[in-house]
């Protein structure tokens, strides 16, 4: 590998890392929205059930503390109403789906960068003009993706989760053990 190609290879590696980060951050943000949605659905089910149960119980109750049951019922009814109105428009589902779709586009770009890296490393592509041309095409896709008006937002929590996923859990890497376990034996080269 010439020094000129080595410099381009390093640049492509950096772009690969950046798009891998973007992909993982949006994937984790979608996960966060789904977790919040699950918690909200559970809380709504609980508050609705409790409200209904306590309302029915108050009809048959002859306790001196009926006012406590009425207050608790009212509180849970308010919480249920809030959750129903706040999340009835599928906001979390839509946000999660937007992040998933954006992550999928980033994954496709990441895979294209990875393929280019493999082609250079294996010397399938050896001339600098072809490498530069392919790099520039991928850069244009990256620019279009980053300028997308409907680019979903992410939280710092998603960035933290992506950091752990990429650096600690190595979610973008495939181990030799995984390859030996999953790829059919007759297709393995290791």
N, C-alpha and C. Protein backbone atom coordinates (compact mmCIF):
# COMPACT_ATOMS: atom_id res chain seq x y z
N UNK A 1 0.87 -1.17 0.00
CA UNK A 1 0.00 0.00 0.00
C UNK A 1 0.91 1.23 0.00
N UNK A 2 0.67 2.11 -0.95
CA UNK A 2 1.48 3.33 -1.04
C UNK A 2 1.11 4.30 0.07
N UNK A 3 1.96 5.26 0.30
CA UNK A 3 1.69 6.27 1.33
C UNK A 3 0.44 7.07 0.98
N UNK A 4 0.25 7.37 -0.28
CA UNK A 4 -0.93 8.12 -0.73
C UNK A 4 -2.21 7.33 -0.43
N UNK A 5 -2.20 6.03 -0.71
CA UNK A 5 -3.36 5.18 -0.43
C UNK A 5 -3.54 5.03 1.08
N UNK A 6 -2.46 4.92 1.81
CA UNK A 6 -2.53 4.81 3.27
C UNK A 6 -3.23 6.04 3.88
N UNK A 7 -2.92 7.21 3.36
CA UNK A 7 -3.55 8.45 3.84
C UNK A 7 -5.04 8.43 3.55
N UNK A 8 -5.42 8.02 2.33
CA UNK A 8 -6.84 7.94 1.98
C UNK A 8 -7.54 6.87 2.82
N UNK A 9 -6.86 5.77 3.04
CA UNK A 9 -7.43 4.68 3.85
C UNK A 9 -7.74 5.19 5.26
N UNK A 10 -6.82 5.94 5.83
CA UNK A 10 -7.02 6.50 7.17
C UNK A 10 -8.22 7.44 7.20
N UNK A 11 -8.36 8.26 6.18
CA UNK A 11 -9.50 9.17 6.09
C UNK A 11 -10.82 8.38 6.02
N UNK A 12 -10.83 7.33 5.21
CA UNK A 12 -12.03 6.51 5.07
C UNK A 12 -12.33 5.80 6.39
N UNK A 13 -11.31 5.35 7.10
CA UNK A 13 -11.51 4.75 8.43
C UNK A 13 -12.22 5.74 9.37
N UNK A 14 -11.77 6.97 9.37
CA UNK A 14 -12.38 7.98 10.25
C UNK A 14 -13.84 8.21 9.88
N UNK A 15 -14.13 8.26 8.61
CA UNK A 15 -15.53 8.44 8.18
C UNK A 15 -16.37 7.22 8.53
N UNK A 16 -15.78 6.05 8.42
CA UNK A 16 -16.47 4.83 8.84
C UNK A 16 -16.85 4.92 10.31
N UNK A 17 -15.91 5.35 11.14
CA UNK A 17 -16.15 5.46 12.58
C UNK A 17 -17.27 6.46 12.85
N UNK A 18 -17.24 7.59 12.18
CA UNK A 18 -18.27 8.62 12.41
C UNK A 18 -19.66 8.11 12.05
N UNK A 19 -19.77 7.42 10.93
CA UNK A 19 -21.10 6.92 10.54
C UNK A 19 -21.52 5.75 11.42
N UNK A 20 -20.54 4.97 11.90
CA UNK A 20 -20.87 3.89 12.85
C UNK A 20 -21.44 4.50 14.13
N UNK A 21 -20.84 5.59 14.59
CA UNK A 21 -21.36 6.29 15.77
C UNK A 21 -22.79 6.78 15.53
N UNK A 22 -22.99 7.44 14.41
CA UNK A 22 -24.31 7.99 14.11
C UNK A 22 -25.35 6.87 14.06
N UNK A 23 -25.00 5.78 13.40
CA UNK A 23 -25.91 4.64 13.31
C UNK A 23 -26.29 4.14 14.71
N UNK A 24 -25.28 3.92 15.54
CA UNK A 24 -25.52 3.34 16.86
C UNK A 24 -26.29 4.30 17.76
N UNK A 25 -25.99 5.58 17.68
CA UNK A 25 -26.70 6.57 18.51
C UNK A 25 -28.18 6.58 18.16
N UNK A 26 -28.52 6.59 16.88
CA UNK A 26 -29.93 6.61 16.49
C UNK A 26 -30.62 5.30 16.83
N UNK A 27 -29.90 4.21 16.74
CA UNK A 27 -30.45 2.91 17.14
C UNK A 27 -30.78 2.92 18.64
N UNK A 28 -29.88 3.44 19.44
CA UNK A 28 -30.09 3.48 20.89
C UNK A 28 -31.19 4.46 21.25
N UNK A 29 -31.31 5.57 20.51
CA UNK A 29 -32.39 6.52 20.78
C UNK A 29 -33.75 5.86 20.52
N UNK A 30 -33.83 5.08 19.46
CA UNK A 30 -35.07 4.35 19.18
C UNK A 30 -35.38 3.38 20.32
N UNK A 31 -34.34 2.72 20.84
CA UNK A 31 -34.53 1.82 21.98
C UNK A 31 -35.06 2.59 23.19
N UNK A 32 -34.53 3.78 23.43
CA UNK A 32 -34.99 4.59 24.57
C UNK A 32 -36.47 4.96 24.42
N UNK A 33 -36.87 5.35 23.21
CA UNK A 33 -38.28 5.67 22.98
C UNK A 33 -39.16 4.45 23.22
N UNK A 34 -38.71 3.29 22.77
CA UNK A 34 -39.49 2.06 22.97
C UNK A 34 -39.59 1.69 24.44
N UNK A 35 -38.50 1.88 25.20
CA UNK A 35 -38.54 1.61 26.64
C UNK A 35 -39.53 2.55 27.33
N UNK A 36 -39.47 3.82 26.97
CA UNK A 36 -40.39 4.80 27.57
C UNK A 36 -41.84 4.46 27.21
N UNK A 37 -42.05 4.06 25.98
CA UNK A 37 -43.39 3.66 25.56
C UNK A 37 -43.88 2.48 26.38
N UNK A 38 -43.02 1.50 26.60
CA UNK A 38 -43.40 0.33 27.40
C UNK A 38 -43.74 0.72 28.83
N UNK A 39 -42.92 1.60 29.41
CA UNK A 39 -43.21 2.06 30.79
C UNK A 39 -44.54 2.82 30.83
N UNK A 40 -44.77 3.66 29.84
CA UNK A 40 -46.01 4.43 29.82
C UNK A 40 -47.23 3.53 29.66
N UNK A 41 -47.11 2.52 28.82
CA UNK A 41 -48.23 1.59 28.63
C UNK A 41 -48.51 0.81 29.92
N UNK A 42 -47.44 0.39 30.59
CA UNK A 42 -47.60 -0.33 31.86
C UNK A 42 -48.26 0.57 32.91
N UNK A 43 -47.76 1.79 33.01
CA UNK A 43 -48.32 2.73 33.98
C UNK A 43 -49.78 3.05 33.66
N UNK A 44 -50.09 3.22 32.39
CA UNK A 44 -51.46 3.49 31.98
C UNK A 44 -52.36 2.30 32.32
N UNK A 45 -51.89 1.11 32.05
CA UNK A 45 -52.69 -0.08 32.38
C UNK A 45 -52.93 -0.17 33.88
N UNK A 46 -51.88 0.09 34.65
CA UNK A 46 -52.01 0.04 36.10
C UNK A 46 -52.98 1.10 36.61
N UNK A 47 -52.79 2.34 36.18
CA UNK A 47 -53.66 3.42 36.69
C UNK A 47 -55.10 3.24 36.24
N UNK A 48 -55.29 2.78 35.02
CA UNK A 48 -56.66 2.54 34.54
C UNK A 48 -57.32 1.41 35.33
N UNK A 49 -56.57 0.34 35.55
CA UNK A 49 -57.10 -0.79 36.32
C UNK A 49 -57.41 -0.37 37.75
N UNK A 50 -56.51 0.36 38.37
CA UNK A 50 -56.71 0.79 39.75
C UNK A 50 -57.90 1.74 39.86
N UNK A 51 -58.01 2.65 38.89
CA UNK A 51 -59.13 3.60 38.90
C UNK A 51 -60.45 2.86 38.79
N UNK A 52 -60.52 1.92 37.87
CA UNK A 52 -61.75 1.16 37.68
C UNK A 52 -62.08 0.33 38.92
N UNK A 53 -61.09 -0.35 39.46
CA UNK A 53 -61.30 -1.19 40.63
C UNK A 53 -61.75 -0.37 41.83
N UNK A 54 -61.07 0.73 42.07
CA UNK A 54 -61.45 1.54 43.24
C UNK A 54 -62.79 2.24 43.04
N UNK A 55 -63.11 2.59 41.80
CA UNK A 55 -64.42 3.20 41.55
C UNK A 55 -65.53 2.20 41.81
N UNK A 56 -65.33 0.97 41.35
CA UNK A 56 -66.34 -0.07 41.59
C UNK A 56 -66.41 -0.40 43.08
N UNK A 57 -65.28 -0.47 43.75
CA UNK A 57 -65.24 -0.78 45.19
C UNK A 57 -65.95 0.30 45.99
N UNK A 58 -65.82 1.55 45.55
CA UNK A 58 -66.45 2.63 46.31
C UNK A 58 -67.97 2.55 46.22
N UNK A 59 -68.49 1.94 45.17
CA UNK A 59 -69.94 1.80 45.05
C UNK A 59 -70.51 0.85 46.10
N UNK A 60 -69.73 -0.15 46.49
CA UNK A 60 -70.19 -1.15 47.42
C UNK A 60 -69.61 -0.99 48.82
N UNK A 61 -68.86 0.06 48.99
CA UNK A 61 -68.17 0.26 50.27
C UNK A 61 -69.05 1.00 51.28
N UNK A 62 -68.94 0.58 52.51
CA UNK A 62 -69.64 1.27 53.58
C UNK A 62 -68.64 1.71 54.63
N UNK A 63 -67.40 1.89 54.22
CA UNK A 63 -66.36 2.29 55.14
C UNK A 63 -66.47 3.76 55.47
N UNK A 64 -65.92 4.08 56.61
CA UNK A 64 -65.87 5.49 57.02
C UNK A 64 -64.80 6.24 56.23
N UNK A 65 -63.92 5.48 55.59
CA UNK A 65 -62.81 6.11 54.86
C UNK A 65 -63.07 6.18 53.36
N UNK A 66 -64.33 6.27 52.99
CA UNK A 66 -64.69 6.35 51.57
C UNK A 66 -64.02 7.54 50.89
N UNK A 67 -63.81 8.60 51.62
CA UNK A 67 -63.21 9.80 51.02
C UNK A 67 -61.77 9.52 50.56
N UNK A 68 -61.07 8.60 51.26
CA UNK A 68 -59.71 8.24 50.84
C UNK A 68 -59.76 7.49 49.51
N UNK A 69 -60.70 6.55 49.40
CA UNK A 69 -60.86 5.80 48.15
C UNK A 69 -61.21 6.76 47.02
N UNK A 70 -62.06 7.74 47.30
CA UNK A 70 -62.46 8.70 46.27
C UNK A 70 -61.27 9.57 45.83
N UNK A 71 -60.44 9.98 46.78
CA UNK A 71 -59.27 10.80 46.44
C UNK A 71 -58.27 9.99 45.62
N UNK A 72 -58.00 8.76 46.07
CA UNK A 72 -57.06 7.91 45.33
C UNK A 72 -57.59 7.62 43.93
N UNK A 73 -58.88 7.34 43.83
CA UNK A 73 -59.50 7.10 42.52
C UNK A 73 -59.34 8.32 41.63
N UNK A 74 -59.59 9.48 42.18
CA UNK A 74 -59.47 10.72 41.40
C UNK A 74 -58.03 10.95 40.93
N UNK A 75 -57.07 10.70 41.80
CA UNK A 75 -55.66 10.89 41.43
C UNK A 75 -55.28 9.95 40.29
N UNK A 76 -55.64 8.68 40.44
CA UNK A 76 -55.31 7.72 39.38
C UNK A 76 -56.08 8.02 38.10
N UNK A 77 -57.28 8.54 38.21
CA UNK A 77 -58.05 8.91 37.02
C UNK A 77 -57.37 10.06 36.28
N UNK A 78 -56.84 11.02 37.04
CA UNK A 78 -56.12 12.15 36.43
C UNK A 78 -54.86 11.64 35.72
N UNK A 79 -54.12 10.76 36.38
CA UNK A 79 -52.89 10.22 35.77
C UNK A 79 -53.23 9.44 34.50
N UNK A 80 -54.28 8.62 34.57
CA UNK A 80 -54.71 7.85 33.40
C UNK A 80 -55.10 8.76 32.26
N UNK A 81 -55.85 9.79 32.57
CA UNK A 81 -56.29 10.74 31.54
C UNK A 81 -55.09 11.45 30.93
N UNK A 82 -54.15 11.88 31.76
CA UNK A 82 -52.95 12.55 31.27
C UNK A 82 -52.18 11.64 30.31
N UNK A 83 -51.93 10.40 30.73
CA UNK A 83 -51.18 9.47 29.90
C UNK A 83 -51.91 9.17 28.59
N UNK A 84 -53.21 9.03 28.68
CA UNK A 84 -54.01 8.75 27.49
C UNK A 84 -53.93 9.91 26.51
N UNK A 85 -54.11 11.13 27.01
CA UNK A 85 -54.07 12.29 26.14
C UNK A 85 -52.65 12.59 25.64
N UNK A 86 -51.68 12.43 26.50
CA UNK A 86 -50.30 12.76 26.15
C UNK A 86 -49.73 11.82 25.09
N UNK A 87 -50.07 10.56 25.14
CA UNK A 87 -49.47 9.59 24.24
C UNK A 87 -50.45 8.96 23.25
N UNK A 88 -51.64 9.53 23.14
CA UNK A 88 -52.62 8.95 22.22
C UNK A 88 -52.25 9.15 20.76
N UNK A 89 -51.42 10.15 20.50
CA UNK A 89 -51.08 10.46 19.11
C UNK A 89 -49.85 9.71 18.61
N UNK A 90 -49.46 8.66 19.30
CA UNK A 90 -48.36 7.80 18.89
C UNK A 90 -47.03 8.53 18.73
N UNK A 91 -46.81 9.54 19.54
CA UNK A 91 -45.59 10.34 19.45
C UNK A 91 -44.35 9.47 19.63
N UNK A 92 -44.33 8.65 20.65
CA UNK A 92 -43.14 7.84 20.91
C UNK A 92 -42.91 6.80 19.81
N UNK A 93 -43.98 6.20 19.31
CA UNK A 93 -43.84 5.24 18.22
C UNK A 93 -43.25 5.91 16.98
N UNK A 94 -43.74 7.11 16.66
CA UNK A 94 -43.26 7.83 15.49
C UNK A 94 -41.80 8.24 15.65
N UNK A 95 -41.44 8.71 16.85
CA UNK A 95 -40.05 9.10 17.09
C UNK A 95 -39.13 7.89 17.00
N UNK A 96 -39.56 6.79 17.58
CA UNK A 96 -38.76 5.56 17.52
C UNK A 96 -38.57 5.12 16.08
N UNK A 97 -39.62 5.13 15.31
CA UNK A 97 -39.55 4.70 13.91
C UNK A 97 -38.66 5.63 13.10
N UNK A 98 -38.72 6.93 13.36
CA UNK A 98 -37.85 7.88 12.65
C UNK A 98 -36.38 7.59 12.94
N UNK A 99 -36.07 7.33 14.21
CA UNK A 99 -34.69 7.00 14.56
C UNK A 99 -34.27 5.66 13.94
N UNK A 100 -35.16 4.68 13.92
CA UNK A 100 -34.84 3.38 13.32
C UNK A 100 -34.55 3.52 11.82
N UNK A 101 -35.38 4.31 11.14
CA UNK A 101 -35.18 4.49 9.70
C UNK A 101 -33.88 5.23 9.42
N UNK A 102 -33.59 6.25 10.21
CA UNK A 102 -32.34 6.99 10.02
C UNK A 102 -31.14 6.08 10.32
N UNK A 103 -31.26 5.27 11.37
CA UNK A 103 -30.19 4.32 11.72
C UNK A 103 -29.98 3.32 10.58
N UNK A 104 -31.05 2.89 9.94
CA UNK A 104 -30.94 1.93 8.83
C UNK A 104 -30.18 2.56 7.66
N UNK A 105 -30.45 3.82 7.38
CA UNK A 105 -29.71 4.51 6.31
C UNK A 105 -28.23 4.64 6.69
N UNK A 106 -27.97 4.94 7.94
CA UNK A 106 -26.58 5.04 8.40
C UNK A 106 -25.89 3.69 8.33
N UNK A 107 -26.60 2.62 8.65
CA UNK A 107 -26.03 1.28 8.59
C UNK A 107 -25.64 0.93 7.15
N UNK A 108 -26.49 1.29 6.22
CA UNK A 108 -26.19 1.03 4.81
C UNK A 108 -24.92 1.78 4.39
N UNK A 109 -24.80 3.03 4.81
CA UNK A 109 -23.61 3.82 4.49
C UNK A 109 -22.37 3.24 5.20
N UNK A 110 -22.55 2.85 6.44
CA UNK A 110 -21.44 2.24 7.19
C UNK A 110 -20.94 0.99 6.48
N UNK A 111 -21.87 0.16 6.01
CA UNK A 111 -21.49 -1.06 5.31
C UNK A 111 -20.75 -0.74 4.00
N UNK A 112 -21.17 0.33 3.33
CA UNK A 112 -20.48 0.73 2.09
C UNK A 112 -19.05 1.17 2.40
N UNK A 113 -18.87 1.93 3.47
CA UNK A 113 -17.52 2.33 3.88
C UNK A 113 -16.68 1.10 4.24
N UNK A 114 -17.29 0.17 4.95
CA UNK A 114 -16.58 -1.05 5.35
C UNK A 114 -16.15 -1.86 4.13
N UNK A 115 -17.03 -1.94 3.14
CA UNK A 115 -16.68 -2.66 1.91
C UNK A 115 -15.53 -1.98 1.18
N UNK A 116 -15.55 -0.66 1.14
CA UNK A 116 -14.46 0.07 0.51
C UNK A 116 -13.14 -0.17 1.24
N UNK A 117 -13.19 -0.16 2.56
CA UNK A 117 -11.99 -0.46 3.35
C UNK A 117 -11.46 -1.87 3.03
N UNK A 118 -12.37 -2.82 2.93
CA UNK A 118 -11.97 -4.20 2.62
C UNK A 118 -11.37 -4.29 1.22
N UNK A 119 -11.96 -3.58 0.27
CA UNK A 119 -11.43 -3.59 -1.10
C UNK A 119 -10.03 -3.00 -1.16
N UNK A 120 -9.79 -1.96 -0.39
CA UNK A 120 -8.46 -1.35 -0.37
C UNK A 120 -7.47 -2.27 0.35
N UNK A 121 -7.88 -2.78 1.49
CA UNK A 121 -6.99 -3.63 2.29
C UNK A 121 -6.60 -4.91 1.53
N UNK A 122 -7.55 -5.48 0.80
CA UNK A 122 -7.28 -6.71 0.05
C UNK A 122 -6.63 -6.42 -1.30
N UNK A 123 -6.41 -5.16 -1.57
CA UNK A 123 -5.79 -4.69 -2.81
C UNK A 123 -6.63 -5.03 -4.04
N UNK A 124 -7.93 -5.13 -3.83
CA UNK A 124 -8.85 -5.27 -4.96
C UNK A 124 -8.89 -3.96 -5.73
N UNK A 125 -8.82 -2.86 -4.95
CA UNK A 125 -8.71 -1.53 -5.54
C UNK A 125 -7.33 -1.01 -5.16
N UNK A 126 -6.53 -0.69 -6.18
CA UNK A 126 -5.16 -0.27 -5.89
C UNK A 126 -4.81 1.10 -6.46
N UNK A 127 -5.69 1.66 -7.29
CA UNK A 127 -5.33 2.97 -7.84
C UNK A 127 -6.03 4.08 -7.06
N UNK A 128 -5.30 5.12 -6.82
CA UNK A 128 -5.76 6.23 -5.98
C UNK A 128 -6.97 6.94 -6.59
N UNK A 129 -7.05 6.99 -7.90
CA UNK A 129 -8.18 7.66 -8.55
C UNK A 129 -9.50 6.96 -8.23
N UNK A 130 -9.51 5.65 -8.30
CA UNK A 130 -10.72 4.88 -7.99
C UNK A 130 -11.08 5.01 -6.52
N UNK A 131 -10.08 4.93 -5.66
CA UNK A 131 -10.32 5.08 -4.22
C UNK A 131 -10.91 6.45 -3.92
N UNK A 132 -10.33 7.49 -4.50
CA UNK A 132 -10.82 8.86 -4.28
C UNK A 132 -12.24 9.03 -4.82
N UNK A 133 -12.51 8.47 -5.98
CA UNK A 133 -13.84 8.56 -6.58
C UNK A 133 -14.90 7.89 -5.67
N UNK A 134 -14.59 6.69 -5.22
CA UNK A 134 -15.52 5.97 -4.34
C UNK A 134 -15.69 6.69 -3.01
N UNK A 135 -14.60 7.21 -2.48
CA UNK A 135 -14.66 7.98 -1.22
C UNK A 135 -15.56 9.20 -1.39
N UNK A 136 -15.39 9.92 -2.50
CA UNK A 136 -16.19 11.12 -2.74
C UNK A 136 -17.68 10.80 -2.90
N UNK A 137 -17.99 9.68 -3.55
CA UNK A 137 -19.40 9.27 -3.70
C UNK A 137 -20.02 8.97 -2.33
N UNK A 138 -19.27 8.27 -1.50
CA UNK A 138 -19.77 7.97 -0.15
C UNK A 138 -19.92 9.26 0.66
N UNK A 139 -19.01 10.18 0.46
CA UNK A 139 -19.09 11.46 1.17
C UNK A 139 -20.35 12.22 0.76
N UNK A 140 -20.71 12.16 -0.50
CA UNK A 140 -21.94 12.83 -0.95
C UNK A 140 -23.18 12.21 -0.31
N UNK A 141 -23.20 10.91 -0.21
CA UNK A 141 -24.31 10.23 0.48
C UNK A 141 -24.35 10.66 1.94
N UNK A 142 -23.19 10.74 2.55
CA UNK A 142 -23.10 11.15 3.96
C UNK A 142 -23.61 12.58 4.14
N UNK A 143 -23.25 13.46 3.23
CA UNK A 143 -23.70 14.86 3.31
C UNK A 143 -25.21 14.93 3.16
N UNK A 144 -25.76 14.21 2.18
CA UNK A 144 -27.21 14.19 1.99
C UNK A 144 -27.93 13.68 3.23
N UNK A 145 -27.36 12.66 3.84
CA UNK A 145 -27.96 12.08 5.04
C UNK A 145 -27.91 13.08 6.20
N UNK A 146 -26.80 13.76 6.36
CA UNK A 146 -26.67 14.69 7.48
C UNK A 146 -27.49 15.97 7.28
N UNK A 147 -27.78 16.30 6.03
CA UNK A 147 -28.58 17.50 5.75
C UNK A 147 -30.07 17.21 5.68
N UNK A 148 -30.44 15.99 5.91
CA UNK A 148 -31.85 15.57 5.86
C UNK A 148 -32.68 16.42 6.82
N UNK A 149 -33.73 17.02 6.31
CA UNK A 149 -34.56 17.90 7.13
C UNK A 149 -35.31 17.13 8.22
N UNK A 150 -35.58 15.88 7.96
CA UNK A 150 -36.33 15.09 8.94
C UNK A 150 -35.40 14.27 9.84
N UNK A 151 -34.15 14.73 9.97
CA UNK A 151 -33.19 14.03 10.81
C UNK A 151 -33.69 14.04 12.25
N UNK A 152 -33.90 12.86 12.84
CA UNK A 152 -34.44 12.80 14.19
C UNK A 152 -33.41 13.24 15.24
N UNK A 153 -33.94 13.73 16.33
CA UNK A 153 -33.05 14.19 17.41
C UNK A 153 -32.64 13.01 18.28
N UNK A 154 -31.56 13.23 19.04
CA UNK A 154 -31.06 12.21 19.95
C UNK A 154 -30.77 12.85 21.29
N UNK A 155 -30.70 12.04 22.32
CA UNK A 155 -30.42 12.52 23.67
C UNK A 155 -29.01 12.14 24.08
N UNK A 156 -28.54 12.77 25.14
CA UNK A 156 -27.21 12.44 25.66
C UNK A 156 -27.19 11.00 26.19
N UNK A 157 -28.32 10.53 26.66
CA UNK A 157 -28.41 9.14 27.13
C UNK A 157 -28.16 8.16 25.98
N UNK A 158 -28.68 8.48 24.80
CA UNK A 158 -28.46 7.63 23.63
C UNK A 158 -26.98 7.62 23.25
N UNK A 159 -26.33 8.77 23.38
CA UNK A 159 -24.89 8.85 23.08
C UNK A 159 -24.11 8.00 24.07
N UNK A 160 -24.48 8.06 25.35
CA UNK A 160 -23.81 7.24 26.37
C UNK A 160 -24.01 5.75 26.08
N UNK A 161 -25.23 5.38 25.71
CA UNK A 161 -25.51 3.98 25.41
C UNK A 161 -24.73 3.52 24.17
N UNK A 162 -24.63 4.39 23.17
CA UNK A 162 -23.88 4.06 21.96
C UNK A 162 -22.40 3.90 22.28
N UNK A 163 -21.90 4.77 23.16
CA UNK A 163 -20.49 4.69 23.57
C UNK A 163 -20.19 3.31 24.16
N UNK A 164 -21.04 2.87 25.07
CA UNK A 164 -20.85 1.57 25.69
C UNK A 164 -21.01 0.44 24.66
N UNK A 165 -22.00 0.58 23.80
CA UNK A 165 -22.25 -0.46 22.79
C UNK A 165 -21.07 -0.62 21.84
N UNK A 166 -20.47 0.50 21.44
CA UNK A 166 -19.37 0.44 20.48
C UNK A 166 -18.04 0.08 21.12
N UNK A 167 -17.75 0.69 22.27
CA UNK A 167 -16.42 0.53 22.86
C UNK A 167 -16.32 -0.65 23.83
N UNK A 168 -17.34 -0.89 24.61
CA UNK A 168 -17.28 -1.96 25.61
C UNK A 168 -17.86 -3.26 25.04
N UNK A 169 -19.09 -3.17 24.54
CA UNK A 169 -19.76 -4.38 24.04
C UNK A 169 -19.34 -4.74 22.61
N UNK A 170 -18.68 -3.82 21.94
CA UNK A 170 -18.17 -4.03 20.57
C UNK A 170 -19.27 -4.55 19.65
N UNK A 171 -20.41 -3.88 19.67
CA UNK A 171 -21.58 -4.34 18.92
C UNK A 171 -21.40 -4.30 17.41
N UNK A 172 -20.44 -3.53 16.90
CA UNK A 172 -20.25 -3.49 15.45
C UNK A 172 -19.23 -4.51 14.97
N UNK A 173 -18.68 -5.26 15.89
CA UNK A 173 -17.65 -6.23 15.52
C UNK A 173 -18.18 -7.65 15.67
N UNK A 174 -17.67 -8.52 14.84
CA UNK A 174 -18.03 -9.92 14.90
C UNK A 174 -16.80 -10.70 15.34
N UNK A 175 -16.95 -11.46 16.39
CA UNK A 175 -15.81 -12.23 16.91
C UNK A 175 -15.60 -13.49 16.07
N UNK A 176 -14.41 -14.04 16.17
CA UNK A 176 -14.12 -15.31 15.49
C UNK A 176 -15.03 -16.42 15.99
N UNK A 177 -15.33 -16.39 17.31
CA UNK A 177 -16.23 -17.40 17.88
C UNK A 177 -17.61 -17.31 17.25
N UNK A 178 -18.11 -16.09 17.04
CA UNK A 178 -19.43 -15.93 16.41
C UNK A 178 -19.40 -16.47 14.98
N UNK A 179 -18.35 -16.16 14.27
CA UNK A 179 -18.24 -16.64 12.89
C UNK A 179 -18.22 -18.16 12.87
N UNK A 180 -17.40 -18.75 13.74
CA UNK A 180 -17.31 -20.22 13.78
C UNK A 180 -18.64 -20.86 14.19
N UNK A 181 -19.41 -20.16 15.01
CA UNK A 181 -20.68 -20.70 15.48
C UNK A 181 -21.81 -20.53 14.47
N UNK A 182 -21.82 -19.41 13.76
CA UNK A 182 -22.98 -19.07 12.93
C UNK A 182 -22.78 -19.40 11.45
N UNK A 183 -21.61 -19.10 10.91
CA UNK A 183 -21.37 -19.36 9.49
C UNK A 183 -21.22 -20.86 9.28
N UNK A 184 -21.89 -21.41 8.27
CA UNK A 184 -21.73 -22.85 8.00
C UNK A 184 -20.26 -23.22 7.81
N UNK A 185 -19.87 -24.37 8.31
CA UNK A 185 -18.47 -24.80 8.28
C UNK A 185 -17.86 -24.78 6.87
N UNK A 186 -18.64 -25.20 5.89
CA UNK A 186 -18.10 -25.27 4.52
C UNK A 186 -17.87 -23.88 3.91
N UNK A 187 -18.33 -22.82 4.59
CA UNK A 187 -18.13 -21.46 4.09
C UNK A 187 -17.09 -20.68 4.88
N UNK A 188 -16.55 -21.27 5.91
CA UNK A 188 -15.56 -20.58 6.75
C UNK A 188 -14.17 -20.69 6.15
N UNK A 189 -13.36 -19.62 6.32
CA UNK A 189 -11.99 -19.66 5.84
C UNK A 189 -10.98 -19.62 6.98
N UNK A 190 -11.45 -19.52 8.20
CA UNK A 190 -10.54 -19.45 9.35
C UNK A 190 -10.16 -20.82 9.83
